[in-house]
């Protein structure tokens, strides 16, 4: 499913959120996020462990307040 928020379009899969598009001048763009970047955690909560509904709820919160995102860029292996 696709969700809009942060001034971006993200693909939401069970345990994974991947940016598809960021809009110029939005918080996502200012943070340097771009297509293919994957959110690994929101406020230190690993997305891989969440149920789909929990993940969507957390994304909803993230739209309304400042949150800390841990992001992995494609091609960067940690």
PDB file of N, CA and C in Angstrom:
ATOM      1  N   UNK A   1       0.851  -1.181   0.000  1.00  0.00           N
ATOM      2  CA  UNK A   1       0.000   0.000   0.000  1.00  0.00           C
ATOM      3  C   UNK A   1       0.889   1.235   0.000  1.00  0.00           C
ATOM      4  N   UNK A   2       0.365   2.311  -0.543  1.00  0.00           N
ATOM      5  CA  UNK A   2       1.141   3.550  -0.577  1.00  0.00           C
ATOM      6  C   UNK A   2       0.535   4.535   0.398  1.00  0.00           C
ATOM      7  N   UNK A   3       1.398   5.242   1.082  1.00  0.00           N
ATOM      8  CA  UNK A   3       0.942   6.246   2.038  1.00  0.00           C
ATOM      9  C   UNK A   3       1.630   7.550   1.699  1.00  0.00           C
ATOM     10  N   UNK A   4       0.903   8.656   1.901  1.00  0.00           N
ATOM     11  CA  UNK A   4       1.533   9.961   1.723  1.00  0.00           C
ATOM     12  C   UNK A   4       1.730  10.570   3.097  1.00  0.00           C
ATOM     13  N   UNK A   5       2.868  11.163   3.289  1.00  0.00           N
ATOM     14  CA  UNK A   5       3.172  11.793   4.562  1.00  0.00           C
ATOM     15  C   UNK A   5       4.604  12.239   4.513  1.00  0.00           C
ATOM     16  N   UNK A   6       5.014  13.111   5.383  1.00  0.00           N
ATOM     17  CA  UNK A   6       6.374  13.663   5.382  1.00  0.00           C
ATOM     18  C   UNK A   6       6.634  14.413   4.075  1.00  0.00           C
ATOM     19  N   UNK A   7       5.605  14.682   3.275  1.00  0.00           N
ATOM     20  CA  UNK A   7       5.860  15.270   1.961  1.00  0.00           C
ATOM     21  C   UNK A   7       6.458  14.258   1.012  1.00  0.00           C
ATOM     22  N   UNK A   8       6.072  13.004   1.193  1.00  0.00           N
ATOM     23  CA  UNK A   8       6.648  11.966   0.352  1.00  0.00           C
ATOM     24  C   UNK A   8       5.614  10.876   0.125  1.00  0.00           C
ATOM     25  N   UNK A   9       5.912  10.015  -0.825  1.00  0.00           N
ATOM     26  CA  UNK A   9       5.094   8.837  -1.056  1.00  0.00           C
ATOM     27  C   UNK A   9       5.954   7.648  -0.648  1.00  0.00           C
ATOM     28  N   UNK A  10       5.411   6.801   0.211  1.00  0.00           N
ATOM     29  CA  UNK A  10       6.174   5.644   0.657  1.00  0.00           C
ATOM     30  C   UNK A  10       5.392   4.377   0.367  1.00  0.00           C
ATOM     31  N   UNK A  11       6.120   3.321   0.137  1.00  0.00           N
ATOM     32  CA  UNK A  11       5.522   2.006  -0.036  1.00  0.00           C
ATOM     33  C   UNK A  11       5.567   1.316   1.321  1.00  0.00           C
ATOM     34  N   UNK A  12       4.413   0.866   1.809  1.00  0.00           N
ATOM     35  CA  UNK A  12       4.353   0.224   3.116  1.00  0.00           C
ATOM     36  C   UNK A  12       4.099  -1.262   2.925  1.00  0.00           C
ATOM     37  N   UNK A  13       5.076  -2.063   3.330  1.00  0.00           N
ATOM     38  CA  UNK A  13       4.972  -3.510   3.272  1.00  0.00           C
ATOM     39  C   UNK A  13       5.098  -4.014   4.701  1.00  0.00           C
ATOM     40  N   UNK A  14       4.718  -5.227   4.975  1.00  0.00           N
ATOM     41  CA  UNK A  14       4.892  -5.715   6.350  1.00  0.00           C
ATOM     42  C   UNK A  14       6.356  -5.590   6.788  1.00  0.00           C
ATOM     43  N   UNK A  15       6.590  -4.789   7.808  1.00  0.00           N
ATOM     44  CA  UNK A  15       7.937  -4.631   8.354  1.00  0.00           C
ATOM     45  C   UNK A  15       8.873  -3.751   7.549  1.00  0.00           C
ATOM     46  N   UNK A  16       8.378  -3.157   6.473  1.00  0.00           N
ATOM     47  CA  UNK A  16       9.271  -2.344   5.634  1.00  0.00           C
ATOM     48  C   UNK A  16       8.538  -1.107   5.134  1.00  0.00           C
ATOM     49  N   UNK A  17       9.248   0.016   5.136  1.00  0.00           N
ATOM     50  CA  UNK A  17       8.710   1.238   4.547  1.00  0.00           C
ATOM     51  C   UNK A  17       9.790   1.799   3.635  1.00  0.00           C
ATOM     52  N   UNK A  18       9.470   1.958   2.361  1.00  0.00           N
ATOM     53  CA  UNK A  18      10.449   2.409   1.370  1.00  0.00           C
ATOM     54  C   UNK A  18       9.920   3.666   0.697  1.00  0.00           C
ATOM     55  N   UNK A  19      10.772   4.685   0.620  1.00  0.00           N
ATOM     56  CA  UNK A  19      10.384   5.924  -0.055  1.00  0.00           C
ATOM     57  C   UNK A  19      10.323   5.692  -1.553  1.00  0.00           C
ATOM     58  N   UNK A  20       9.239   6.140  -2.164  1.00  0.00           N
ATOM     59  CA  UNK A  20       9.110   6.071  -3.613  1.00  0.00           C
ATOM     60  C   UNK A  20       9.391   7.441  -4.225  1.00  0.00           C
ATOM     61  N   UNK A  21       9.023   8.491  -3.493  1.00  0.00           N
ATOM     62  CA  UNK A  21       9.128   9.830  -4.054  1.00  0.00           C
ATOM     63  C   UNK A  21       9.136  10.818  -2.899  1.00  0.00           C
ATOM     64  N   UNK A  22       9.981  11.849  -2.985  1.00  0.00           N
ATOM     65  CA  UNK A  22       9.919  12.938  -2.018  1.00  0.00           C
ATOM     66  C   UNK A  22       9.688  14.229  -2.787  1.00  0.00           C
ATOM     67  N   UNK A  23       8.920  15.110  -2.200  1.00  0.00           N
ATOM     68  CA  UNK A  23       8.569  16.350  -2.870  1.00  0.00           C
ATOM     69  C   UNK A  23       9.512  17.461  -2.415  1.00  0.00           C
ATOM     70  N   UNK A  24       9.952  18.318  -3.339  1.00  0.00           N
ATOM     71  CA  UNK A  24      10.926  19.359  -3.002  1.00  0.00           C
ATOM     72  C   UNK A  24      10.408  20.273  -1.893  1.00  0.00           C
ATOM     73  N   UNK A  25      11.311  20.663  -0.997  1.00  0.00           N
ATOM     74  CA  UNK A  25      10.958  21.626   0.038  1.00  0.00           C
ATOM     75  C   UNK A  25      10.204  21.034   1.217  1.00  0.00           C
ATOM     76  N   UNK A  26      10.010  19.719   1.230  1.00  0.00           N
ATOM     77  CA  UNK A  26       9.291  19.072   2.328  1.00  0.00           C
ATOM     78  C   UNK A  26      10.300  18.559   3.359  1.00  0.00           C
ATOM     79  N   UNK A  27       9.811  18.188   4.554  1.00  0.00           N
ATOM     80  CA  UNK A  27      10.744  17.663   5.564  1.00  0.00           C
ATOM     81  C   UNK A  27      11.576  16.491   5.041  1.00  0.00           C
ATOM     82  N   UNK A  28      10.962  15.630   4.243  1.00  0.00           N
ATOM     83  CA  UNK A  28      11.709  14.482   3.709  1.00  0.00           C
ATOM     84  C   UNK A  28      12.860  14.938   2.828  1.00  0.00           C
ATOM     85  N   UNK A  29      12.561  15.881   1.939  1.00  0.00           N
ATOM     86  CA  UNK A  29      13.589  16.359   1.020  1.00  0.00           C
ATOM     87  C   UNK A  29      14.694  17.074   1.787  1.00  0.00           C
ATOM     88  N   UNK A  30      14.302  17.877   2.777  1.00  0.00           N
ATOM     89  CA  UNK A  30      15.308  18.593   3.579  1.00  0.00           C
ATOM     90  C   UNK A  30      16.190  17.629   4.343  1.00  0.00           C
ATOM     91  N   UNK A  31      15.624  16.486   4.701  1.00  0.00           N
ATOM     92  CA  UNK A  31      16.400  15.478   5.422  1.00  0.00           C
ATOM     93  C   UNK A  31      17.281  14.668   4.476  1.00  0.00           C
ATOM     94  N   UNK A  32      17.183  14.955   3.178  1.00  0.00           N
ATOM     95  CA  UNK A  32      18.027  14.259   2.208  1.00  0.00           C
ATOM     96  C   UNK A  32      17.506  12.898   1.809  1.00  0.00           C
ATOM     97  N   UNK A  33      16.230  12.651   2.061  1.00  0.00           N
ATOM     98  CA  UNK A  33      15.663  11.350   1.716  1.00  0.00           C
ATOM     99  C   UNK A  33      15.289  11.307   0.242  1.00  0.00           C
ATOM    100  N   UNK A  34      15.385  10.135  -0.346  1.00  0.00           N
ATOM    101  CA  UNK A  34      15.050  10.014  -1.755  1.00  0.00           C
ATOM    102  C   UNK A  34      14.505   8.643  -2.074  1.00  0.00           C
ATOM    103  N   UNK A  35      14.087   8.457  -3.329  1.00  0.00           N
ATOM    104  CA  UNK A  35      13.504   7.180  -3.742  1.00  0.00           C
ATOM    105  C   UNK A  35      14.437   6.015  -3.437  1.00  0.00           C
ATOM    106  N   UNK A  36      13.879   4.948  -2.916  1.00  0.00           N
ATOM    107  CA  UNK A  36      14.660   3.755  -2.614  1.00  0.00           C
ATOM    108  C   UNK A  36      15.172   3.712  -1.191  1.00  0.00           C
ATOM    109  N   UNK A  37      15.184   4.869  -0.501  1.00  0.00           N
ATOM    110  CA  UNK A  37      15.603   4.861   0.897  1.00  0.00           C
ATOM    111  C   UNK A  37      14.578   4.087   1.713  1.00  0.00           C
ATOM    112  N   UNK A  38      15.052   3.295   2.650  1.00  0.00           N
ATOM    113  CA  UNK A  38      14.157   2.483   3.465  1.00  0.00           C
ATOM    114  C   UNK A  38      14.220   2.939   4.918  1.00  0.00           C
ATOM    115  N   UNK A  39      13.050   3.116   5.539  1.00  0.00           N
ATOM    116  CA  UNK A  39      13.017   3.453   6.962  1.00  0.00           C
ATOM    117  C   UNK A  39      13.182   2.156   7.744  1.00  0.00           C
ATOM    118  N   UNK A  40      14.223   2.094   8.560  1.00  0.00           N
ATOM    119  CA  UNK A  40      14.468   0.896   9.364  1.00  0.00           C
ATOM    120  C   UNK A  40      13.804   0.999  10.724  1.00  0.00           C
ATOM    121  N   UNK A  41      13.742   2.227  11.275  1.00  0.00           N
ATOM    122  CA  UNK A  41      13.169   2.413  12.607  1.00  0.00           C
ATOM    123  C   UNK A  41      12.606   3.817  12.717  1.00  0.00           C
ATOM    124  N   UNK A  42      11.565   3.956  13.518  1.00  0.00           N
ATOM    125  CA  UNK A  42      10.992   5.261  13.848  1.00  0.00           C
ATOM    126  C   UNK A  42      11.075   5.400  15.363  1.00  0.00           C
ATOM    127  N   UNK A  43      11.743   6.470  15.808  1.00  0.00           N
ATOM    128  CA  UNK A  43      11.964   6.660  17.253  1.00  0.00           C
ATOM    129  C   UNK A  43      12.550   5.410  17.900  1.00  0.00           C
ATOM    130  N   UNK A  44      13.544   4.825  17.221  1.00  0.00           N
ATOM    131  CA  UNK A  44      14.262   3.642  17.717  1.00  0.00           C
ATOM    132  C   UNK A  44      13.395   2.390  17.832  1.00  0.00           C
ATOM    133  N   UNK A  45      12.223   2.403  17.203  1.00  0.00           N
ATOM    134  CA  UNK A  45      11.383   1.200  17.168  1.00  0.00           C
ATOM    135  C   UNK A  45      11.627   0.512  15.825  1.00  0.00           C
ATOM    136  N   UNK A  46      12.241  -0.681  15.831  1.00  0.00           N
ATOM    137  CA  UNK A  46      12.527  -1.366  14.559  1.00  0.00           C
ATOM    138  C   UNK A  46      11.233  -1.764  13.851  1.00  0.00           C
ATOM    139  N   UNK A  47      11.106  -1.337  12.611  1.00  0.00           N
ATOM    140  CA  UNK A  47       9.872  -1.616  11.877  1.00  0.00           C
ATOM    141  C   UNK A  47       9.711  -3.094  11.568  1.00  0.00           C
ATOM    142  N   UNK A  48      10.816  -3.799  11.438  1.00  0.00           N
ATOM    143  CA  UNK A  48      10.764  -5.221  11.057  1.00  0.00           C
ATOM    144  C   UNK A  48       9.984  -6.047  12.078  1.00  0.00           C
ATOM    145  N   UNK A  49       9.877  -5.553  13.318  1.00  0.00           N
ATOM    146  CA  UNK A  49       9.207  -6.344  14.355  1.00  0.00           C
ATOM    147  C   UNK A  49       7.727  -6.008  14.502  1.00  0.00           C
ATOM    148  N   UNK A  50       7.247  -5.013  13.761  1.00  0.00           N
ATOM    149  CA  UNK A  50       5.879  -4.547  13.958  1.00  0.00           C
ATOM    150  C   UNK A  50       4.878  -5.289  13.076  1.00  0.00           C
ATOM    151  N   UNK A  51       3.673  -5.426  13.590  1.00  0.00           N
ATOM    152  CA  UNK A  51       2.565  -5.878  12.762  1.00  0.00           C
ATOM    153  C   UNK A  51       2.226  -4.753  11.787  1.00  0.00           C
ATOM    154  N   UNK A  52       1.600  -5.105  10.677  1.00  0.00           N
ATOM    155  CA  UNK A  52       1.289  -4.108   9.650  1.00  0.00           C
ATOM    156  C   UNK A  52       0.474  -2.942  10.213  1.00  0.00           C
ATOM    157  N   UNK A  53      -0.533  -3.246  11.039  1.00  0.00           N
ATOM    158  CA  UNK A  53      -1.387  -2.183  11.599  1.00  0.00           C
ATOM    159  C   UNK A  53      -0.585  -1.258  12.507  1.00  0.00           C
ATOM    160  N   UNK A  54       0.336  -1.843  13.281  1.00  0.00           N
ATOM    161  CA  UNK A  54       1.183  -1.034  14.170  1.00  0.00           C
ATOM    162  C   UNK A  54       2.069  -0.112  13.347  1.00  0.00           C
ATOM    163  N   UNK A  55       2.566  -0.649  12.246  1.00  0.00           N
ATOM    164  CA  UNK A  55       3.441   0.119  11.367  1.00  0.00           C
ATOM    165  C   UNK A  55       2.705   1.326  10.789  1.00  0.00           C
ATOM    166  N   UNK A  56       1.487   1.092  10.321  1.00  0.00           N
ATOM    167  CA  UNK A  56       0.695   2.178   9.755  1.00  0.00           C
ATOM    168  C   UNK A  56       0.382   3.227  10.835  1.00  0.00           C
ATOM    169  N   UNK A  57       0.091   2.758  12.047  1.00  0.00           N
ATOM    170  CA  UNK A  57      -0.187   3.674  13.149  1.00  0.00           C
ATOM    171  C   UNK A  57       1.018   4.533  13.488  1.00  0.00           C
ATOM    172  N   UNK A  58       2.185   3.917  13.487  1.00  0.00           N
ATOM    173  CA  UNK A  58       3.418   4.643  13.797  1.00  0.00           C
ATOM    174  C   UNK A  58       3.708   5.692  12.722  1.00  0.00           C
ATOM    175  N   UNK A  59       3.459   5.331  11.480  1.00  0.00           N
ATOM    176  CA  UNK A  59       3.644   6.305  10.400  1.00  0.00           C
ATOM    177  C   UNK A  59       2.688   7.476  10.555  1.00  0.00           C
ATOM    178  N   UNK A  60       1.471   7.179  10.993  1.00  0.00           N
ATOM    179  CA  UNK A  60       0.492   8.238  11.224  1.00  0.00           C
ATOM    180  C   UNK A  60       0.973   9.212  12.293  1.00  0.00           C
ATOM    181  N   UNK A  61       1.533   8.683  13.363  1.00  0.00           N
ATOM    182  CA  UNK A  61       2.100   9.535  14.421  1.00  0.00           C
ATOM    183  C   UNK A  61       3.243  10.364  13.877  1.00  0.00           C
ATOM    184  N   UNK A  62       4.059   9.744  13.051  1.00  0.00           N
ATOM    185  CA  UNK A  62       5.256  10.411  12.536  1.00  0.00           C
ATOM    186  C   UNK A  62       4.897  11.623  11.696  1.00  0.00           C
ATOM    187  N   UNK A  63       3.686  11.590  11.109  1.00  0.00           N
ATOM    188  CA  UNK A  63       3.261  12.739  10.300  1.00  0.00           C
ATOM    189  C   UNK A  63       2.924  13.939  11.155  1.00  0.00           C
ATOM    190  N   UNK A  64       2.489  13.672  12.404  1.00  0.00           N
ATOM    191  CA  UNK A  64       1.956  14.753  13.226  1.00  0.00           C
ATOM    192  C   UNK A  64       2.976  15.340  14.176  1.00  0.00           C
ATOM    193  N   UNK A  65       4.112  14.721  14.291  1.00  0.00           N
ATOM    194  CA  UNK A  65       5.103  15.238  15.226  1.00  0.00           C
ATOM    195  C   UNK A  65       6.494  14.919  14.710  1.00  0.00           C
ATOM    196  N   UNK A  66       7.474  15.544  15.320  1.00  0.00           N
ATOM    197  CA  UNK A  66       8.858  15.265  14.941  1.00  0.00           C
ATOM    198  C   UNK A  66       9.216  13.872  15.421  1.00  0.00           C
ATOM    199  N   UNK A  67       9.782  13.087  14.543  1.00  0.00           N
ATOM    200  CA  UNK A  67      10.223  11.752  14.941  1.00  0.00           C
ATOM    201  C   UNK A  67      11.648  11.551  14.442  1.00  0.00           C
ATOM    202  N   UNK A  68      12.306  10.569  15.021  1.00  0.00           N
ATOM    203  CA  UNK A  68      13.651  10.223  14.585  1.00  0.00           C
ATOM    204  C   UNK A  68      13.542   9.009  13.676  1.00  0.00           C
ATOM    205  N   UNK A  69      14.040   9.160  12.461  1.00  0.00           N
ATOM    206  CA  UNK A  69      14.004   8.059  11.506  1.00  0.00           C
ATOM    207  C   UNK A  69      15.400   7.481  11.338  1.00  0.00           C
ATOM    208  N   UNK A  70      15.500   6.178  11.347  1.00  0.00           N
ATOM    209  CA  UNK A  70      16.731   5.505  10.947  1.00  0.00           C
ATOM    210  C   UNK A  70      16.500   5.018   9.525  1.00  0.00           C
ATOM    211  N   UNK A  71      17.324   5.497   8.611  1.00  0.00           N
ATOM    212  CA  UNK A  71      17.112   5.220   7.195  1.00  0.00           C
ATOM    213  C   UNK A  71      18.314   4.514   6.602  1.00  0.00           C
ATOM    214  N   UNK A  72      18.040   3.547   5.753  1.00  0.00           N
ATOM    215  CA  UNK A  72      19.121   2.887   5.005  1.00  0.00           C
ATOM    216  C   UNK A  72      18.966   3.288   3.546  1.00  0.00           C
ATOM    217  N   UNK A  73      20.063   3.776   2.964  1.00  0.00           N
ATOM    218  CA  UNK A  73      20.049   4.143   1.548  1.00  0.00           C
ATOM    219  C   UNK A  73      20.406   2.931   0.711  1.00  0.00           C
ATOM    220  N   UNK A  74      19.845   2.859  -0.496  1.00  0.00           N
ATOM    221  CA  UNK A  74      20.210   1.724  -1.352  1.00  0.00           C
ATOM    222  C   UNK A  74      21.703   1.763  -1.647  1.00  0.00           C
ATOM    223  N   UNK A  75      22.337   0.614  -1.614  1.00  0.00           N
ATOM    224  CA  UNK A  75      23.765   0.579  -1.909  1.00  0.00           C
ATOM    225  C   UNK A  75      24.636   0.782  -0.687  1.00  0.00           C
ATOM    226  N   UNK A  76      24.063   1.282   0.396  1.00  0.00           N
ATOM    227  CA  UNK A  76      24.828   1.421   1.647  1.00  0.00           C
ATOM    228  C   UNK A  76      24.551   0.191   2.498  1.00  0.00           C
ATOM    229  N   UNK A  77      25.570  -0.574   2.733  1.00  0.00           N
ATOM    230  CA  UNK A  77      25.385  -1.768   3.561  1.00  0.00           C
ATOM    231  C   UNK A  77      25.923  -1.460   4.938  1.00  0.00           C
ATOM    232  N   UNK A  78      25.093  -1.679   5.969  1.00  0.00           N
ATOM    233  CA  UNK A  78      25.575  -1.453   7.334  1.00  0.00           C
ATOM    234  C   UNK A  78      25.827  -2.792   7.975  1.00  0.00           C
TER     235      UNK A  78
END
